[in-house]
Amino acid sequence: MTTEEYTKEAQRLRPLLISTAMRYLHSEKDADDIVQDALLRLWQMRPTLRLPIEPLAVVVVRNLCISHLRKQHITRGTLTENIADAGDDNPTAERIERVMSIIDTLPDTQQTLLRLRHMEGIDNSRLSEMTGSSEAAVRKALSRARMAVKEQYIRMYESRKTHDSNEE
């Protein structure tokens, strides 16, 4: 890819990439930083890139956002709200870290669906198009994934609580 092609493509994609980063970060400053970092990485890959670069650019931004969120211990969506029902009184960042570690243990399909739905905000109809499944199947898979996360979290919380009470 030539420098001129890259420059045109980067200018064209920048608003989309900012929008993608904003869905994760909810901060214009952080989103701009992430997009700048993504464009720098793409620039370094420029000699090997071919048009269109949009899919790769979106994936790079998404991955940088996820890394940023993990470092900041921030997430959104109903997963942590459901976990709060478990009665855990731990600080939010700790709870989010536990939820993310549980999500990492789920089957790949469930992990992907949860992340797309709760971190990227993609609705069930779009998820069904992406997966080639019916909306009902997507809802069921999401429900099962959420339930698995909640059950594992409750087990983890109860075993920790038991362990803490045994130490007293």
C-alpha atoms as a PDB file:
ATOM      1  CA  MET A   1       0.000   0.000   0.000  1.00  0.00           C
ATOM      2  CA  THR A   2       1.386   3.399  -0.917  1.00  0.00           C
ATOM      3  CA  THR A   3       1.671   6.293   1.493  1.00  0.00           C
ATOM      4  CA  GLU A   4      -1.022   8.193  -0.413  1.00  0.00           C
ATOM      5  CA  GLU A   5      -3.433   5.208  -0.308  1.00  0.00           C
ATOM      6  CA  TYR A   6      -2.828   4.783   3.410  1.00  0.00           C
ATOM      7  CA  THR A   7      -3.395   8.480   4.130  1.00  0.00           C
ATOM      8  CA  LYS A   8      -6.690   8.520   2.216  1.00  0.00           C
ATOM      9  CA  GLU A   9      -7.866   5.299   3.869  1.00  0.00           C
ATOM     10  CA  ALA A  10      -6.867   6.497   7.358  1.00  0.00           C
ATOM     11  CA  GLN A  11      -8.773   9.764   6.893  1.00  0.00           C
ATOM     12  CA  ARG A  12     -11.823   7.883   5.621  1.00  0.00           C
ATOM     13  CA  LEU A  13     -11.756   5.327   8.472  1.00  0.00           C
ATOM     14  CA  ARG A  14     -10.955   7.651  11.368  1.00  0.00           C
ATOM     15  CA  PRO A  15     -14.615   8.535  12.211  1.00  0.00           C
ATOM     16  CA  LEU A  16     -15.611   4.842  12.146  1.00  0.00           C
ATOM     17  CA  LEU A  17     -12.660   3.895  14.335  1.00  0.00           C
ATOM     18  CA  ILE A  18     -13.417   6.696  16.816  1.00  0.00           C
ATOM     19  CA  SER A  19     -17.020   5.482  16.967  1.00  0.00           C
ATOM     20  CA  THR A  20     -15.872   1.903  17.559  1.00  0.00           C
ATOM     21  CA  ALA A  21     -13.517   2.977  20.343  1.00  0.00           C
ATOM     22  CA  MET A  22     -16.216   5.168  21.936  1.00  0.00           C
ATOM     23  CA  ARG A  23     -18.526   2.139  22.273  1.00  0.00           C
ATOM     24  CA  TYR A  24     -15.889   0.535  24.468  1.00  0.00           C
ATOM     25  CA  LEU A  25     -14.376   3.457  26.314  1.00  0.00           C
ATOM     26  CA  HIS A  26     -17.058   6.165  26.606  1.00  0.00           C
ATOM     27  CA  SER A  27     -14.281   8.749  26.632  1.00  0.00           C
ATOM     28  CA  GLU A  28     -13.461  10.859  23.600  1.00  0.00           C
ATOM     29  CA  LYS A  29      -9.901  11.439  24.790  1.00  0.00           C
ATOM     30  CA  ASP A  30      -9.216   7.717  25.350  1.00  0.00           C
ATOM     31  CA  ALA A  31     -10.937   6.795  22.076  1.00  0.00           C
ATOM     32  CA  ASP A  32      -8.791   9.284  20.174  1.00  0.00           C
ATOM     33  CA  ASP A  33      -5.624   7.902  21.817  1.00  0.00           C
ATOM     34  CA  ILE A  34      -6.591   4.329  20.944  1.00  0.00           C
ATOM     35  CA  VAL A  35      -7.368   5.231  17.324  1.00  0.00           C
ATOM     36  CA  GLN A  36      -4.074   7.097  17.032  1.00  0.00           C
ATOM     37  CA  ASP A  37      -2.236   4.049  18.354  1.00  0.00           C
ATOM     38  CA  ALA A  38      -4.146   1.772  15.959  1.00  0.00           C
ATOM     39  CA  LEU A  39      -3.345   3.985  12.976  1.00  0.00           C
ATOM     40  CA  LEU A  40       0.321   4.007  13.987  1.00  0.00           C
ATOM     41  CA  ARG A  41       0.332   0.203  14.113  1.00  0.00           C
ATOM     42  CA  LEU A  42      -1.352   0.047  10.721  1.00  0.00           C
ATOM     43  CA  TRP A  43       1.185   2.528   9.363  1.00  0.00           C
ATOM     44  CA  GLN A  44       3.977   0.228  10.496  1.00  0.00           C
ATOM     45  CA  MET A  45       2.239  -2.620   8.633  1.00  0.00           C
ATOM     46  CA  ARG A  46       1.632  -0.432   5.567  1.00  0.00           C
ATOM     47  CA  PRO A  47       4.088  -2.167   3.206  1.00  0.00           C
ATOM     48  CA  THR A  48       2.175  -5.444   3.595  1.00  0.00           C
ATOM     49  CA  LEU A  49      -1.371  -4.028   3.706  1.00  0.00           C
ATOM     50  CA  ARG A  50      -3.877  -4.350   0.889  1.00  0.00           C
ATOM     51  CA  LEU A  51      -7.145  -2.491   0.415  1.00  0.00           C
ATOM     52  CA  PRO A  52      -9.616  -2.579   2.080  1.00  0.00           C
ATOM     53  CA  ILE A  53      -8.047  -2.208   5.523  1.00  0.00           C
ATOM     54  CA  GLU A  54     -11.300  -1.419   7.349  1.00  0.00           C
ATOM     55  CA  PRO A  55     -11.848  -4.912   8.842  1.00  0.00           C
ATOM     56  CA  LEU A  56      -8.271  -5.076  10.118  1.00  0.00           C
ATOM     57  CA  ALA A  57      -8.430  -1.518  11.454  1.00  0.00           C
ATOM     58  CA  VAL A  58     -11.623  -2.255  13.393  1.00  0.00           C
ATOM     59  CA  VAL A  59     -10.091  -5.408  14.904  1.00  0.00           C
ATOM     60  CA  VAL A  60      -6.937  -3.532  15.917  1.00  0.00           C
ATOM     61  CA  VAL A  61      -9.015  -0.787  17.588  1.00  0.00           C
ATOM     62  CA  ARG A  62     -11.215  -3.364  19.313  1.00  0.00           C
ATOM     63  CA  ASN A  63      -8.221  -5.280  20.673  1.00  0.00           C
ATOM     64  CA  LEU A  64      -6.529  -2.099  21.876  1.00  0.00           C
ATOM     65  CA  CYS A  65      -9.754  -1.049  23.618  1.00  0.00           C
ATOM     66  CA  ILE A  66     -10.092  -4.416  25.343  1.00  0.00           C
ATOM     67  CA  SER A  67      -6.470  -4.213  26.505  1.00  0.00           C
ATOM     68  CA  HIS A  68      -7.076  -0.688  27.768  1.00  0.00           C
ATOM     69  CA  LEU A  69     -10.212  -1.768  29.626  1.00  0.00           C
ATOM     70  CA  ARG A  70      -8.461  -4.673  31.256  1.00  0.00           C
ATOM     71  CA  LYS A  71      -5.712  -2.374  32.450  1.00  0.00           C
ATOM     72  CA  GLN A  72      -8.279   0.067  33.791  1.00  0.00           C
ATOM     73  CA  HIS A  73     -10.593  -2.664  35.177  1.00  0.00           C
ATOM     74  CA  ILE A  74     -13.587  -1.110  33.470  1.00  0.00           C
ATOM     75  CA  THR A  75     -16.464  -2.805  31.710  1.00  0.00           C
ATOM     76  CA  ARG A  76     -20.115  -2.165  31.026  1.00  0.00           C
ATOM     77  CA  GLY A  77     -23.232  -4.169  30.492  1.00  0.00           C
ATOM     78  CA  THR A  78     -25.420  -6.347  32.595  1.00  0.00           C
ATOM     79  CA  LEU A  79     -22.854  -8.993  33.491  1.00  0.00           C
ATOM     80  CA  THR A  80     -21.458  -7.189  36.498  1.00  0.00           C
ATOM     81  CA  GLU A  81     -24.916  -5.962  37.461  1.00  0.00           C
ATOM     82  CA  ASN A  82     -26.125  -9.586  37.570  1.00  0.00           C
ATOM     83  CA  ILE A  83     -23.110 -10.533  39.631  1.00  0.00           C
ATOM     84  CA  ALA A  84     -23.947  -7.809  42.146  1.00  0.00           C
ATOM     85  CA  ASP A  85     -27.079  -9.841  42.917  1.00  0.00           C
ATOM     86  CA  ALA A  86     -24.786 -12.532  44.328  1.00  0.00           C
ATOM     87  CA  GLY A  87     -24.280 -10.357  47.381  1.00  0.00           C
ATOM     88  CA  ASP A  88     -20.583  -9.766  46.850  1.00  0.00           C
ATOM     89  CA  ASP A  89     -19.400  -6.638  48.611  1.00  0.00           C
ATOM     90  CA  ASN A  90     -16.019  -6.475  46.857  1.00  0.00           C
ATOM     91  CA  PRO A  91     -14.944  -3.319  45.083  1.00  0.00           C
ATOM     92  CA  THR A  92     -16.106  -3.033  41.493  1.00  0.00           C
ATOM     93  CA  ALA A  93     -12.668  -3.380  39.877  1.00  0.00           C
ATOM     94  CA  GLU A  94     -12.034  -6.647  41.714  1.00  0.00           C
ATOM     95  CA  ARG A  95     -15.458  -7.971  40.757  1.00  0.00           C
ATOM     96  CA  ILE A  96     -14.946  -7.030  37.108  1.00  0.00           C
ATOM     97  CA  GLU A  97     -11.556  -8.742  37.041  1.00  0.00           C
ATOM     98  CA  ARG A  98     -13.131 -11.933  38.393  1.00  0.00           C
ATOM     99  CA  VAL A  99     -15.956 -11.788  35.837  1.00  0.00           C
ATOM    100  CA  MET A 100     -13.478 -11.270  32.989  1.00  0.00           C
ATOM    101  CA  SER A 101     -11.389 -14.229  34.171  1.00  0.00           C
ATOM    102  CA  ILE A 102     -14.524 -16.395  34.271  1.00  0.00           C
ATOM    103  CA  ILE A 103     -15.515 -15.274  30.769  1.00  0.00           C
ATOM    104  CA  ASP A 104     -12.052 -16.325  29.571  1.00  0.00           C
ATOM    105  CA  THR A 105     -12.850 -19.907  30.672  1.00  0.00           C
ATOM    106  CA  LEU A 106     -16.093 -20.161  28.659  1.00  0.00           C
ATOM    107  CA  PRO A 107     -16.280 -21.881  25.291  1.00  0.00           C
ATOM    108  CA  ASP A 108     -15.151 -19.609  22.439  1.00  0.00           C
ATOM    109  CA  THR A 109     -18.662 -19.060  21.073  1.00  0.00           C
ATOM    110  CA  GLN A 110     -20.024 -17.938  24.435  1.00  0.00           C
ATOM    111  CA  GLN A 111     -17.016 -15.682  25.034  1.00  0.00           C
ATOM    112  CA  THR A 112     -17.439 -14.058  21.646  1.00  0.00           C
ATOM    113  CA  LEU A 113     -21.182 -13.552  22.003  1.00  0.00           C
ATOM    114  CA  LEU A 114     -20.824 -12.021  25.476  1.00  0.00           C
ATOM    115  CA  ARG A 115     -18.093  -9.646  24.363  1.00  0.00           C
ATOM    116  CA  LEU A 116     -19.904  -8.594  21.207  1.00  0.00           C
ATOM    117  CA  ARG A 117     -23.178  -8.070  23.054  1.00  0.00           C
ATOM    118  CA  HIS A 118     -21.943  -6.409  26.242  1.00  0.00           C
ATOM    119  CA  MET A 119     -18.738  -4.676  25.224  1.00  0.00           C
ATOM    120  CA  GLU A 120     -19.488  -3.712  21.643  1.00  0.00           C
ATOM    121  CA  GLY A 121     -23.208  -3.236  22.185  1.00  0.00           C
ATOM    122  CA  ILE A 122     -24.208  -5.287  19.157  1.00  0.00           C
ATOM    123  CA  ASP A 123     -27.883  -6.223  19.301  1.00  0.00           C
ATOM    124  CA  ASN A 124     -29.201  -9.785  19.044  1.00  0.00           C
ATOM    125  CA  SER A 125     -30.517  -9.396  15.502  1.00  0.00           C
ATOM    126  CA  ARG A 126     -27.067  -8.346  14.259  1.00  0.00           C
ATOM    127  CA  LEU A 127     -25.459 -11.169  16.239  1.00  0.00           C
ATOM    128  CA  SER A 128     -27.824 -13.637  14.595  1.00  0.00           C
ATOM    129  CA  GLU A 129     -26.795 -12.337  11.158  1.00  0.00           C
ATOM    130  CA  MET A 130     -23.116 -12.587  12.084  1.00  0.00           C
ATOM    131  CA  THR A 131     -23.402 -16.133  13.399  1.00  0.00           C
ATOM    132  CA  GLY A 132     -25.943 -17.429  10.908  1.00  0.00           C
ATOM    133  CA  SER A 133     -28.189 -18.478  13.806  1.00  0.00           C
ATOM    134  CA  SER A 134     -31.710 -17.455  14.674  1.00  0.00           C
ATOM    135  CA  GLU A 135     -32.285 -14.641  17.172  1.00  0.00           C
ATOM    136  CA  ALA A 136     -33.799 -17.182  19.550  1.00  0.00           C
ATOM    137  CA  ALA A 137     -30.610 -19.272  19.386  1.00  0.00           C
ATOM    138  CA  VAL A 138     -28.476 -16.198  20.078  1.00  0.00           C
ATOM    139  CA  ARG A 139     -30.669 -15.200  23.045  1.00  0.00           C
ATOM    140  CA  LYS A 140     -30.460 -18.731  24.426  1.00  0.00           C
ATOM    141  CA  ALA A 141     -26.675 -18.885  23.986  1.00  0.00           C
ATOM    142  CA  LEU A 142     -26.270 -15.510  25.687  1.00  0.00           C
ATOM    143  CA  SER A 143     -28.555 -16.579  28.498  1.00  0.00           C
ATOM    144  CA  ARG A 144     -26.586 -19.776  29.050  1.00  0.00           C
ATOM    145  CA  ALA A 145     -23.299 -17.871  28.983  1.00  0.00           C
ATOM    146  CA  ARG A 146     -24.541 -15.303  31.513  1.00  0.00           C
ATOM    147  CA  MET A 147     -25.868 -18.070  33.746  1.00  0.00           C
ATOM    148  CA  ALA A 148     -22.529 -19.915  33.568  1.00  0.00           C
ATOM    149  CA  VAL A 149     -20.668 -16.752  34.533  1.00  0.00           C
ATOM    150  CA  LYS A 150     -23.036 -16.056  37.397  1.00  0.00           C
ATOM    151  CA  GLU A 151     -22.889 -19.628  38.726  1.00  0.00           C
ATOM    152  CA  GLN A 152     -19.092 -19.733  38.579  1.00  0.00           C
ATOM    153  CA  TYR A 153     -18.878 -16.351  40.253  1.00  0.00           C
ATOM    154  CA  ILE A 154     -21.210 -17.405  43.067  1.00  0.00           C
ATOM    155  CA  ARG A 155     -19.203 -20.617  43.592  1.00  0.00           C
ATOM    156  CA  MET A 156     -15.989 -18.590  43.657  1.00  0.00           C
ATOM    157  CA  TYR A 157     -17.500 -16.060  46.087  1.00  0.00           C
ATOM    158  CA  GLU A 158     -18.890 -18.748  48.408  1.00  0.00           C
ATOM    159  CA  SER A 159     -15.642 -20.716  48.472  1.00  0.00           C
ATOM    160  CA  ARG A 160     -13.707 -17.521  49.202  1.00  0.00           C
ATOM    161  CA  LYS A 161     -16.146 -16.576  51.921  1.00  0.00           C
ATOM    162  CA  THR A 162     -15.834 -20.038  53.485  1.00  0.00           C
ATOM    163  CA  HIS A 163     -12.050 -19.840  53.238  1.00  0.00           C
ATOM    164  CA  ASP A 164     -12.038 -16.387  54.894  1.00  0.00           C
ATOM    165  CA  SER A 165     -14.298 -17.533  57.751  1.00  0.00           C
ATOM    166  CA  ASN A 166     -12.079 -20.596  58.366  1.00  0.00           C
ATOM    167  CA  GLU A 167      -9.063 -18.314  58.770  1.00  0.00           C
ATOM    168  CA  GLU A 168     -10.817 -16.360  61.549  1.00  0.00           C
END
